[in-house]
Amino acid sequence: MTAAQAADQPEVTYAASVSGDLGVLQINARSGADIRSITAHLVSYTSQTEVAKVGTEDFRLFSGTRQDGVWRTKEPLKLPEFGHRPGPP
């Protein structure tokens, strides 16, 4: 990898649920070049194993630019599909 390629590596500044819509995953990332793909690996807190992978086709640029923007999942994620079962209230 050249120094220019290394400088263009994306940096994720945060990834979290959207406040008020906890099923929507939001990722803020920036890079020296356009970000063309995003993949999120969802990991179980308890087992530390990957329970789902969310790919580029599941995200849309919500705000900003392809070099410094916020991407959100197009549809809310359904955690029960990933093996998460909420506990008793």
PDB file of N, CA and C in Angstrom:
ATOM      1  N   MET A   1       0.848  -1.172   0.000  1.00  0.00           N
ATOM      2  CA  MET A   1       0.000   0.000   0.000  1.00  0.00           C
ATOM      3  C   MET A   1       0.890   1.230   0.000  1.00  0.00           C
ATOM      4  N   THR A   2       0.545   2.183  -0.846  1.00  0.00           N
ATOM      5  CA  THR A   2       1.311   3.419  -0.902  1.00  0.00           C
ATOM      6  C   THR A   2       0.841   4.370   0.192  1.00  0.00           C
ATOM      7  N   ALA A   3       1.647   5.411   0.425  1.00  0.00           N
ATOM      8  CA  ALA A   3       1.277   6.401   1.448  1.00  0.00           C
ATOM      9  C   ALA A   3      -0.037   7.083   1.083  1.00  0.00           C
ATOM     10  N   ALA A   4      -0.262   7.343  -0.219  1.00  0.00           N
ATOM     11  CA  ALA A   4      -1.513   7.982  -0.643  1.00  0.00           C
ATOM     12  C   ALA A   4      -2.701   7.075  -0.364  1.00  0.00           C
ATOM     13  N   GLN A   5      -2.559   5.777  -0.613  1.00  0.00           N
ATOM     14  CA  GLN A   5      -3.644   4.842  -0.320  1.00  0.00           C
ATOM     15  C   GLN A   5      -3.926   4.794   1.173  1.00  0.00           C
ATOM     16  N   ALA A   6      -2.876   4.777   1.988  1.00  0.00           N
ATOM     17  CA  ALA A   6      -3.054   4.737   3.444  1.00  0.00           C
ATOM     18  C   ALA A   6      -3.765   5.989   3.938  1.00  0.00           C
ATOM     19  N   ALA A   7      -3.465   7.142   3.332  1.00  0.00           N
ATOM     20  CA  ALA A   7      -4.105   8.391   3.746  1.00  0.00           C
ATOM     21  C   ALA A   7      -5.594   8.393   3.415  1.00  0.00           C
ATOM     22  N   ASP A   8      -5.996   7.605   2.424  1.00  0.00           N
ATOM     23  CA  ASP A   8      -7.395   7.565   2.012  1.00  0.00           C
ATOM     24  C   ASP A   8      -8.212   6.515   2.757  1.00  0.00           C
ATOM     25  N   GLN A   9      -7.623   5.807   3.696  1.00  0.00           N
ATOM     26  CA  GLN A   9      -8.366   4.796   4.437  1.00  0.00           C
ATOM     27  C   GLN A   9      -9.461   5.474   5.253  1.00  0.00           C
ATOM     28  N   PRO A  10     -10.675   4.955   5.188  1.00  0.00           N
ATOM     29  CA  PRO A  10     -11.772   5.564   5.947  1.00  0.00           C
ATOM     30  C   PRO A  10     -11.538   5.497   7.455  1.00  0.00           C
ATOM     31  N   GLU A  11     -12.014   6.508   8.136  1.00  0.00           N
ATOM     32  CA  GLU A  11     -11.978   6.553   9.595  1.00  0.00           C
ATOM     33  C   GLU A  11     -13.420   6.653  10.083  1.00  0.00           C
ATOM     34  N   VAL A  12     -13.849   5.665  10.864  1.00  0.00           N
ATOM     35  CA  VAL A  12     -15.187   5.703  11.448  1.00  0.00           C
ATOM     36  C   VAL A  12     -15.085   6.494  12.744  1.00  0.00           C
ATOM     37  N   THR A  13     -15.846   7.585  12.825  1.00  0.00           N
ATOM     38  CA  THR A  13     -15.794   8.409  14.029  1.00  0.00           C
ATOM     39  C   THR A  13     -16.840   7.980  15.053  1.00  0.00           C
ATOM     40  N   TYR A  14     -17.932   7.376  14.590  1.00  0.00           N
ATOM     41  CA  TYR A  14     -18.871   6.743  15.514  1.00  0.00           C
ATOM     42  C   TYR A  14     -19.830   5.848  14.756  1.00  0.00           C
ATOM     43  N   ALA A  15     -20.400   4.909  15.470  1.00  0.00           N
ATOM     44  CA  ALA A  15     -21.458   4.029  14.950  1.00  0.00           C
ATOM     45  C   ALA A  15     -22.400   3.766  16.112  1.00  0.00           C
ATOM     46  N   ALA A  16     -23.685   4.034  15.906  1.00  0.00           N
ATOM     47  CA  ALA A  16     -24.650   3.896  16.996  1.00  0.00           C
ATOM     48  C   ALA A  16     -26.061   3.868  16.433  1.00  0.00           C
ATOM     49  N   SER A  17     -26.999   3.557  17.301  1.00  0.00           N
ATOM     50  CA  SER A  17     -28.412   3.643  16.947  1.00  0.00           C
ATOM     51  C   SER A  17     -28.816   5.110  16.864  1.00  0.00           C
ATOM     52  N   VAL A  18     -29.820   5.380  16.056  1.00  0.00           N
ATOM     53  CA  VAL A  18     -30.356   6.730  15.951  1.00  0.00           C
ATOM     54  C   VAL A  18     -31.259   6.972  17.155  1.00  0.00           C
ATOM     55  N   SER A  19     -31.054   8.069  17.840  1.00  0.00           N
ATOM     56  CA  SER A  19     -31.882   8.421  18.986  1.00  0.00           C
ATOM     57  C   SER A  19     -33.331   8.547  18.527  1.00  0.00           C
ATOM     58  N   GLY A  20     -34.226   7.865  19.219  1.00  0.00           N
ATOM     59  CA  GLY A  20     -35.625   7.899  18.858  1.00  0.00           C
ATOM     60  C   GLY A  20     -36.041   6.821  17.867  1.00  0.00           C
ATOM     61  N   ASP A  21     -35.061   6.148  17.256  1.00  0.00           N
ATOM     62  CA  ASP A  21     -35.350   5.044  16.342  1.00  0.00           C
ATOM     63  C   ASP A  21     -34.207   4.043  16.474  1.00  0.00           C
ATOM     64  N   LEU A  22     -34.218   3.314  17.568  1.00  0.00           N
ATOM     65  CA  LEU A  22     -33.083   2.462  17.929  1.00  0.00           C
ATOM     66  C   LEU A  22     -32.793   1.351  16.932  1.00  0.00           C
ATOM     67  N   GLY A  23     -33.699   1.068  16.004  1.00  0.00           N
ATOM     68  CA  GLY A  23     -33.451   0.039  15.008  1.00  0.00           C
ATOM     69  C   GLY A  23     -32.596   0.511  13.850  1.00  0.00           C
ATOM     70  N   VAL A  24     -32.427   1.824  13.713  1.00  0.00           N
ATOM     71  CA  VAL A  24     -31.650   2.375  12.599  1.00  0.00           C
ATOM     72  C   VAL A  24     -30.198   2.549  13.039  1.00  0.00           C
ATOM     73  N   LEU A  25     -29.287   1.956  12.274  1.00  0.00           N
ATOM     74  CA  LEU A  25     -27.853   2.071  12.544  1.00  0.00           C
ATOM     75  C   LEU A  25     -27.313   3.276  11.791  1.00  0.00           C
ATOM     76  N   GLN A  26     -26.558   4.109  12.484  1.00  0.00           N
ATOM     77  CA  GLN A  26     -25.970   5.312  11.902  1.00  0.00           C
ATOM     78  C   GLN A  26     -24.464   5.247  12.051  1.00  0.00           C
ATOM     79  N   ILE A  27     -23.763   5.528  10.968  1.00  0.00           N
ATOM     80  CA  ILE A  27     -22.298   5.496  10.974  1.00  0.00           C
ATOM     81  C   ILE A  27     -21.788   6.812  10.424  1.00  0.00           C
ATOM     82  N   ASN A  28     -20.858   7.434  11.142  1.00  0.00           N
ATOM     83  CA  ASN A  28     -20.190   8.640  10.656  1.00  0.00           C
ATOM     84  C   ASN A  28     -18.779   8.235  10.272  1.00  0.00           C
ATOM     85  N   ALA A  29     -18.395   8.551   9.036  1.00  0.00           N
ATOM     86  CA  ALA A  29     -17.061   8.180   8.567  1.00  0.00           C
ATOM     87  C   ALA A  29     -16.515   9.274   7.665  1.00  0.00           C
ATOM     88  N   ARG A  30     -15.175   9.316   7.598  1.00  0.00           N
ATOM     89  CA  ARG A  30     -14.527  10.284   6.707  1.00  0.00           C
ATOM     90  C   ARG A  30     -13.292   9.645   6.089  1.00  0.00           C
ATOM     91  N   SER A  31     -12.913  10.207   4.939  1.00  0.00           N
ATOM     92  CA  SER A  31     -11.775   9.684   4.203  1.00  0.00           C
ATOM     93  C   SER A  31     -11.292  10.763   3.247  1.00  0.00           C
ATOM     94  N   GLY A  32     -10.047  10.623   2.788  1.00  0.00           N
ATOM     95  CA  GLY A  32      -9.499  11.554   1.813  1.00  0.00           C
ATOM     96  C   GLY A  32     -10.066  11.336   0.422  1.00  0.00           C
ATOM     97  N   ALA A  33     -10.729  10.213   0.204  1.00  0.00           N
ATOM     98  CA  ALA A  33     -11.362   9.893  -1.074  1.00  0.00           C
ATOM     99  C   ALA A  33     -12.807   9.480  -0.805  1.00  0.00           C
ATOM    100  N   ASP A  34     -13.610   9.437  -1.853  1.00  0.00           N
ATOM    101  CA  ASP A  34     -15.004   9.029  -1.678  1.00  0.00           C
ATOM    102  C   ASP A  34     -15.097   7.641  -1.041  1.00  0.00           C
ATOM    103  N   ILE A  35     -15.984   7.498  -0.071  1.00  0.00           N
ATOM    104  CA  ILE A  35     -16.262   6.200   0.543  1.00  0.00           C
ATOM    105  C   ILE A  35     -17.293   5.522  -0.347  1.00  0.00           C
ATOM    106  N   ARG A  36     -16.933   4.374  -0.878  1.00  0.00           N
ATOM    107  CA  ARG A  36     -17.788   3.689  -1.843  1.00  0.00           C
ATOM    108  C   ARG A  36     -18.517   2.487  -1.253  1.00  0.00           C
ATOM    109  N   SER A  37     -18.048   2.003  -0.112  1.00  0.00           N
ATOM    110  CA  SER A  37     -18.732   0.869   0.503  1.00  0.00           C
ATOM    111  C   SER A  37     -18.580   0.925   2.020  1.00  0.00           C
ATOM    112  N   ILE A  38     -19.600   0.408   2.681  1.00  0.00           N
ATOM    113  CA  ILE A  38     -19.600   0.330   4.143  1.00  0.00           C
ATOM    114  C   ILE A  38     -20.144  -1.041   4.522  1.00  0.00           C
ATOM    115  N   THR A  39     -19.471  -1.689   5.450  1.00  0.00           N
ATOM    116  CA  THR A  39     -19.958  -2.948   5.995  1.00  0.00           C
ATOM    117  C   THR A  39     -19.879  -2.861   7.507  1.00  0.00           C
ATOM    118  N   ALA A  40     -20.979  -3.173   8.166  1.00  0.00           N
ATOM    119  CA  ALA A  40     -21.018  -3.186   9.631  1.00  0.00           C
ATOM    120  C   ALA A  40     -21.170  -4.633  10.090  1.00  0.00           C
ATOM    121  N   HIS A  41     -20.339  -5.021  11.040  1.00  0.00           N
ATOM    122  CA  HIS A  41     -20.407  -6.359  11.625  1.00  0.00           C
ATOM    123  C   HIS A  41     -21.030  -6.208  13.008  1.00  0.00           C
ATOM    124  N   LEU A  42     -22.218  -6.775  13.199  1.00  0.00           N
ATOM    125  CA  LEU A  42     -22.894  -6.696  14.486  1.00  0.00           C
ATOM    126  C   LEU A  42     -22.448  -7.864  15.348  1.00  0.00           C
ATOM    127  N   VAL A  43     -21.950  -7.539  16.530  1.00  0.00           N
ATOM    128  CA  VAL A  43     -21.378  -8.531  17.433  1.00  0.00           C
ATOM    129  C   VAL A  43     -22.201  -8.589  18.716  1.00  0.00           C
ATOM    130  N   SER A  44     -22.514  -9.800  19.156  1.00  0.00           N
ATOM    131  CA  SER A  44     -23.249 -10.000  20.399  1.00  0.00           C
ATOM    132  C   SER A  44     -22.378  -9.560  21.572  1.00  0.00           C
ATOM    133  N   TYR A  45     -22.953  -8.751  22.434  1.00  0.00           N
ATOM    134  CA  TYR A  45     -22.235  -8.294  23.626  1.00  0.00           C
ATOM    135  C   TYR A  45     -21.883  -9.474  24.531  1.00  0.00           C
ATOM    136  N   THR A  46     -22.801 -10.420  24.665  1.00  0.00           N
ATOM    137  CA  THR A  46     -22.577 -11.532  25.595  1.00  0.00           C
ATOM    138  C   THR A  46     -21.649 -12.607  25.041  1.00  0.00           C
ATOM    139  N   SER A  47     -21.833 -12.987  23.779  1.00  0.00           N
ATOM    140  CA  SER A  47     -21.015 -14.081  23.231  1.00  0.00           C
ATOM    141  C   SER A  47     -19.782 -13.595  22.484  1.00  0.00           C
ATOM    142  N   GLN A  48     -19.731 -12.292  22.164  1.00  0.00           N
ATOM    143  CA  GLN A  48     -18.630 -11.706  21.397  1.00  0.00           C
ATOM    144  C   GLN A  48     -18.471 -12.357  20.021  1.00  0.00           C
ATOM    145  N   THR A  49     -19.571 -12.864  19.458  1.00  0.00           N
ATOM    146  CA  THR A  49     -19.543 -13.447  18.127  1.00  0.00           C
ATOM    147  C   THR A  49     -20.394 -12.596  17.188  1.00  0.00           C
ATOM    148  N   GLU A  50     -20.035 -12.616  15.921  1.00  0.00           N
ATOM    149  CA  GLU A  50     -20.791 -11.862  14.925  1.00  0.00           C
ATOM    150  C   GLU A  50     -22.161 -12.499  14.735  1.00  0.00           C
ATOM    151  N   VAL A  51     -23.202 -11.677  14.821  1.00  0.00           N
ATOM    152  CA  VAL A  51     -24.563 -12.176  14.649  1.00  0.00           C
ATOM    153  C   VAL A  51     -25.189 -11.688  13.345  1.00  0.00           C
ATOM    154  N   ALA A  52     -24.581 -10.692  12.721  1.00  0.00           N
ATOM    155  CA  ALA A  52     -25.097 -10.194  11.450  1.00  0.00           C
ATOM    156  C   ALA A  52     -24.063  -9.314  10.776  1.00  0.00           C
ATOM    157  N   LYS A  53     -24.214  -9.199   9.470  1.00  0.00           N
ATOM    158  CA  LYS A  53     -23.369  -8.319   8.675  1.00  0.00           C
ATOM    159  C   LYS A  53     -24.312  -7.461   7.841  1.00  0.00           C
ATOM    160  N   VAL A  54     -24.132  -6.148   7.912  1.00  0.00           N
ATOM    161  CA  VAL A  54     -24.961  -5.210   7.176  1.00  0.00           C
ATOM    162  C   VAL A  54     -24.070  -4.571   6.112  1.00  0.00           C
ATOM    163  N   GLY A  55     -24.444  -4.720   4.848  1.00  0.00           N
ATOM    164  CA  GLY A  55     -23.584  -4.284   3.752  1.00  0.00           C
ATOM    165  C   GLY A  55     -23.989  -2.970   3.118  1.00  0.00           C
ATOM    166  N   THR A  56     -23.192  -2.546   2.164  1.00  0.00           N
ATOM    167  CA  THR A  56     -23.373  -1.274   1.465  1.00  0.00           C
ATOM    168  C   THR A  56     -24.789  -1.099   0.941  1.00  0.00           C
ATOM    169  N   GLU A  57     -25.371  -2.177   0.414  1.00  0.00           N
ATOM    170  CA  GLU A  57     -26.713  -2.081  -0.159  1.00  0.00           C
ATOM    171  C   GLU A  57     -27.773  -1.735   0.890  1.00  0.00           C
ATOM    172  N   ASP A  58     -27.439  -1.890   2.172  1.00  0.00           N
ATOM    173  CA  ASP A  58     -28.382  -1.604   3.260  1.00  0.00           C
ATOM    174  C   ASP A  58     -28.278  -0.178   3.782  1.00  0.00           C
ATOM    175  N   PHE A  59     -27.277   0.578   3.329  1.00  0.00           N
ATOM    176  CA  PHE A  59     -27.035   1.935   3.817  1.00  0.00           C
ATOM    177  C   PHE A  59     -27.354   2.975   2.745  1.00  0.00           C
ATOM    178  N   ARG A  60     -27.650   4.194   3.212  1.00  0.00           N
ATOM    179  CA  ARG A  60     -27.769   5.349   2.320  1.00  0.00           C
ATOM    180  C   ARG A  60     -27.045   6.517   2.976  1.00  0.00           C
ATOM    181  N   LEU A  61     -26.499   7.394   2.163  1.00  0.00           N
ATOM    182  CA  LEU A  61     -25.866   8.599   2.686  1.00  0.00           C
ATOM    183  C   LEU A  61     -26.965   9.508   3.197  1.00  0.00           C
ATOM    184  N   PHE A  62     -26.969   9.785   4.498  1.00  0.00           N
ATOM    185  CA  PHE A  62     -28.023  10.563   5.137  1.00  0.00           C
ATOM    186  C   PHE A  62     -27.693  12.056   5.125  1.00  0.00           C
ATOM    187  N   SER A  63     -26.433  12.393   5.414  1.00  0.00           N
ATOM    188  CA  SER A  63     -26.021  13.795   5.406  1.00  0.00           C
ATOM    189  C   SER A  63     -24.522  13.874   5.147  1.00  0.00           C
ATOM    190  N   GLY A  64     -24.086  15.038   4.724  1.00  0.00           N
ATOM    191  CA  GLY A  64     -22.673  15.234   4.445  1.00  0.00           C
ATOM    192  C   GLY A  64     -22.318  14.791   3.032  1.00  0.00           C
ATOM    193  N   THR A  65     -21.050  14.420   2.875  1.00  0.00           N
ATOM    194  CA  THR A  65     -20.541  14.015   1.565  1.00  0.00           C
ATOM    195  C   THR A  65     -19.976  12.608   1.653  1.00  0.00           C
ATOM    196  N   ARG A  66     -19.626  12.043   0.512  1.00  0.00           N
ATOM    197  CA  ARG A  66     -19.024  10.710   0.489  1.00  0.00           C
ATOM    198  C   ARG A  66     -17.621  10.714   1.107  1.00  0.00           C
ATOM    199  N   GLN A  67     -17.048  11.891   1.329  1.00  0.00           N
ATOM    200  CA  GLN A  67     -15.746  11.970   1.991  1.00  0.00           C
ATOM    201  C   GLN A  67     -15.871  12.242   3.486  1.00  0.00           C
ATOM    202  N   ASP A  68     -16.994  12.770   3.912  1.00  0.00           N
ATOM    203  CA  ASP A  68     -17.212  13.065   5.330  1.00  0.00           C
ATOM    204  C   ASP A  68     -18.724  13.115   5.550  1.00  0.00           C
ATOM    205  N   GLY A  69     -19.294  11.958   5.879  1.00  0.00           N
ATOM    206  CA  GLY A  69     -20.738  11.917   5.961  1.00  0.00           C
ATOM    207  C   GLY A  69     -21.281  10.956   6.986  1.00  0.00           C
ATOM    208  N   VAL A  70     -22.593  10.960   7.055  1.00  0.00           N
ATOM    209  CA  VAL A  70     -23.335  10.080   7.945  1.00  0.00           C
ATOM    210  C   VAL A  70     -24.174   9.154   7.081  1.00  0.00           C
ATOM    211  N   TRP A  71     -23.999   7.859   7.292  1.00  0.00           N
ATOM    212  CA  TRP A  71     -24.783   6.846   6.595  1.00  0.00           C
ATOM    213  C   TRP A  71     -25.749   6.220   7.588  1.00  0.00           C
ATOM    214  N   ARG A  72     -26.953   5.931   7.122  1.00  0.00           N
ATOM    215  CA  ARG A  72     -27.949   5.253   7.953  1.00  0.00           C
ATOM    216  C   ARG A  72     -28.488   4.049   7.190  1.00  0.00           C
ATOM    217  N   THR A  73     -28.898   3.032   7.950  1.00  0.00           N
ATOM    218  CA  THR A  73     -29.534   1.896   7.296  1.00  0.00           C
ATOM    219  C   THR A  73     -30.860   2.370   6.700  1.00  0.00           C
ATOM    220  N   LYS A  74     -31.198   1.822   5.544  1.00  0.00           N
ATOM    221  CA  LYS A  74     -32.423   2.211   4.838  1.00  0.00           C
ATOM    222  C   LYS A  74     -33.660   1.769   5.606  1.00  0.00           C
ATOM    223  N   GLU A  75     -33.564   0.643   6.265  1.00  0.00           N
ATOM    224  CA  GLU A  75     -34.667   0.086   7.044  1.00  0.00           C
ATOM    225  C   GLU A  75     -34.168  -0.202   8.459  1.00  0.00           C
ATOM    226  N   PRO A  76     -35.035  -0.106   9.462  1.00  0.00           N
ATOM    227  CA  PRO A  76     -34.616  -0.462  10.820  1.00  0.00           C
ATOM    228  C   PRO A  76     -34.185  -1.931  10.882  1.00  0.00           C
ATOM    229  N   LEU A  77     -33.169  -2.194  11.659  1.00  0.00           N
ATOM    230  CA  LEU A  77     -32.720  -3.569  11.882  1.00  0.00           C
ATOM    231  C   LEU A  77     -33.668  -4.214  12.879  1.00  0.00           C
ATOM    232  N   LYS A  78     -33.969  -5.473  12.681  1.00  0.00           N
ATOM    233  CA  LYS A  78     -34.854  -6.202  13.585  1.00  0.00           C
ATOM    234  C   LYS A  78     -33.993  -7.140  14.418  1.00  0.00           C
ATOM    235  N   LEU A  79     -33.652  -6.704  15.620  1.00  0.00           N
ATOM    236  CA  LEU A  79     -32.722  -7.458  16.459  1.00  0.00           C
ATOM    237  C   LEU A  79     -33.154  -8.880  16.758  1.00  0.00           C
ATOM    238  N   PRO A  80     -34.460  -9.190  16.921  1.00  0.00           N
ATOM    239  CA  PRO A  80     -34.820 -10.602  17.137  1.00  0.00           C
ATOM    240  C   PRO A  80     -34.350 -11.509  15.996  1.00  0.00           C
ATOM    241  N   GLU A  81     -34.249 -10.966  14.778  1.00  0.00           N
ATOM    242  CA  GLU A  81     -33.751 -11.752  13.651  1.00  0.00           C
ATOM    243  C   GLU A  81     -32.277 -12.110  13.841  1.00  0.00           C
ATOM    244  N   PHE A  82     -31.580 -11.356  14.685  1.00  0.00           N
ATOM    245  CA  PHE A  82     -30.169 -11.598  14.929  1.00  0.00           C
ATOM    246  C   PHE A  82     -29.928 -12.355  16.232  1.00  0.00           C
ATOM    247  N   GLY A  83     -30.984 -12.906  16.797  1.00  0.00           N
ATOM    248  CA  GLY A  83     -30.839 -13.716  18.002  1.00  0.00           C
ATOM    249  C   GLY A  83     -30.947 -12.944  19.301  1.00  0.00           C
ATOM    250  N   HIS A  84     -31.284 -11.650  19.255  1.00  0.00           N
ATOM    251  CA  HIS A  84     -31.431 -10.864  20.478  1.00  0.00           C
ATOM    252  C   HIS A  84     -32.860 -10.973  20.981  1.00  0.00           C
ATOM    253  N   ARG A  85     -33.023 -11.337  22.185  1.00  0.00           N
ATOM    254  CA  ARG A  85     -34.347 -11.409  22.803  1.00  0.00           C
ATOM    255  C   ARG A  85     -34.346 -10.482  24.020  1.00  0.00           C
ATOM    256  N   PRO A  86     -35.172  -9.429  23.968  1.00  0.00           N
ATOM    257  CA  PRO A  86     -35.218  -8.521  25.125  1.00  0.00           C
ATOM    258  C   PRO A  86     -35.621  -9.266  26.386  1.00  0.00           C
ATOM    259  N   GLY A  87     -35.060  -8.848  27.489  1.00  0.00           N
ATOM    260  CA  GLY A  87     -35.389  -9.456  28.782  1.00  0.00           C
ATOM    261  C   GLY A  87     -36.715  -8.948  29.286  1.00  0.00           C
ATOM    262  N   PRO A  88     -37.140  -9.433  30.440  1.00  0.00           N
ATOM    263  CA  PRO A  88     -38.401  -8.976  31.017  1.00  0.00           C
ATOM    264  C   PRO A  88     -38.327  -7.506  31.382  1.00  0.00           C
ATOM    265  N   PRO A  89     -39.472  -6.819  31.326  1.00  0.00           N
ATOM    266  CA  PRO A  89     -39.485  -5.371  31.636  1.00  0.00           C
ATOM    267  C   PRO A  89     -39.132  -5.090  33.063  1.00  0.00           C
TER     268      PRO A  89
END
